[in-house]
Amino acid sequence: MSRLALLRFLERVQERDPFRTRRWIVDEERREAERCVGEARRPPAPEWLIERGLDRTNIVAVHG
């Protein structure tokens, strides 16, 4: 393969990279928006906590 053919191949690869990078950015922006929506919809943490014994069946205490 000639040096010119290699340079033309490199040019085609580099022309595609900005489009691929932009697609990755759009995908990441979508995922970030989905994360934000998920966090907004998450119910608040309970105001109490159940403490269980070592065997996980006995309730030792309820903290509030």
Protein backbone atom coordinates (compact mmCIF):
# COMPACT_ATOMS: atom_id res chain seq x y z
CA MET A 1 0.00 0.00 0.00
CA SER A 2 1.39 3.36 -0.97
CA ARG A 3 2.03 6.20 1.42
CA LEU A 4 -0.60 8.26 -0.41
CA ALA A 5 -3.21 5.50 0.05
CA LEU A 6 -2.36 5.33 3.77
CA LEU A 7 -2.73 9.09 4.09
CA ARG A 8 -6.13 8.99 2.33
CA PHE A 9 -7.22 6.20 4.70
CA LEU A 10 -6.07 8.27 7.69
CA GLU A 11 -8.02 11.25 6.35
CA ARG A 12 -11.24 9.17 6.15
CA VAL A 13 -10.76 7.89 9.70
CA GLN A 14 -10.17 11.39 11.04
CA GLU A 15 -13.23 12.74 9.24
CA ARG A 16 -15.42 10.17 10.99
CA ASP A 17 -14.03 10.79 14.46
CA PRO A 18 -15.79 14.15 15.09
CA PHE A 19 -19.13 12.56 14.21
CA ARG A 20 -18.45 9.59 16.48
CA THR A 21 -17.39 11.90 19.30
CA ARG A 22 -20.53 14.02 18.88
CA ARG A 23 -22.66 10.86 19.01
CA TRP A 24 -20.90 9.82 22.23
CA ILE A 25 -21.59 13.27 23.70
CA VAL A 26 -25.30 13.07 22.77
CA ASP A 27 -25.52 9.58 24.29
CA GLU A 28 -23.85 10.74 27.50
CA GLU A 29 -26.12 13.80 27.73
CA ARG A 30 -29.14 11.47 27.40
CA ARG A 31 -27.81 9.15 30.13
CA GLU A 32 -27.13 12.13 32.41
CA ALA A 33 -30.67 13.44 31.87
CA GLU A 34 -32.05 9.97 32.68
CA ARG A 35 -29.97 9.88 35.87
CA CYS A 36 -31.32 13.27 36.93
CA VAL A 37 -34.91 12.18 36.32
CA GLY A 38 -34.28 8.98 38.29
CA GLU A 39 -32.84 10.91 41.23
CA ALA A 40 -35.76 13.36 41.19
CA ARG A 41 -38.25 10.47 41.26
CA ARG A 42 -36.46 8.59 44.03
CA PRO A 43 -38.56 8.48 47.19
CA PRO A 44 -37.09 10.20 50.26
CA ALA A 45 -35.12 8.11 52.72
CA PRO A 46 -37.21 6.78 55.59
CA GLU A 47 -37.06 8.63 58.88
CA TRP A 48 -36.48 5.38 60.74
CA LEU A 49 -34.17 2.37 60.53
CA ILE A 50 -34.70 -1.20 61.69
CA GLU A 51 -31.69 -2.78 63.38
CA ARG A 52 -31.65 -6.57 63.16
CA GLY A 53 -29.73 -9.15 65.17
CA LEU A 54 -26.92 -11.32 63.85
CA ASP A 55 -29.31 -13.99 62.55
CA ARG A 56 -31.25 -11.30 60.61
CA THR A 57 -34.62 -12.53 61.96
CA ASN A 58 -34.75 -10.73 65.32
CA ILE A 59 -35.48 -7.01 65.38
CA VAL A 60 -33.13 -5.46 67.96
CA ALA A 61 -34.25 -1.84 67.72
CA VAL A 62 -36.06 0.73 65.63
CA HIS A 63 -34.19 4.01 65.29
CA GLY A 64 -36.04 7.17 64.43
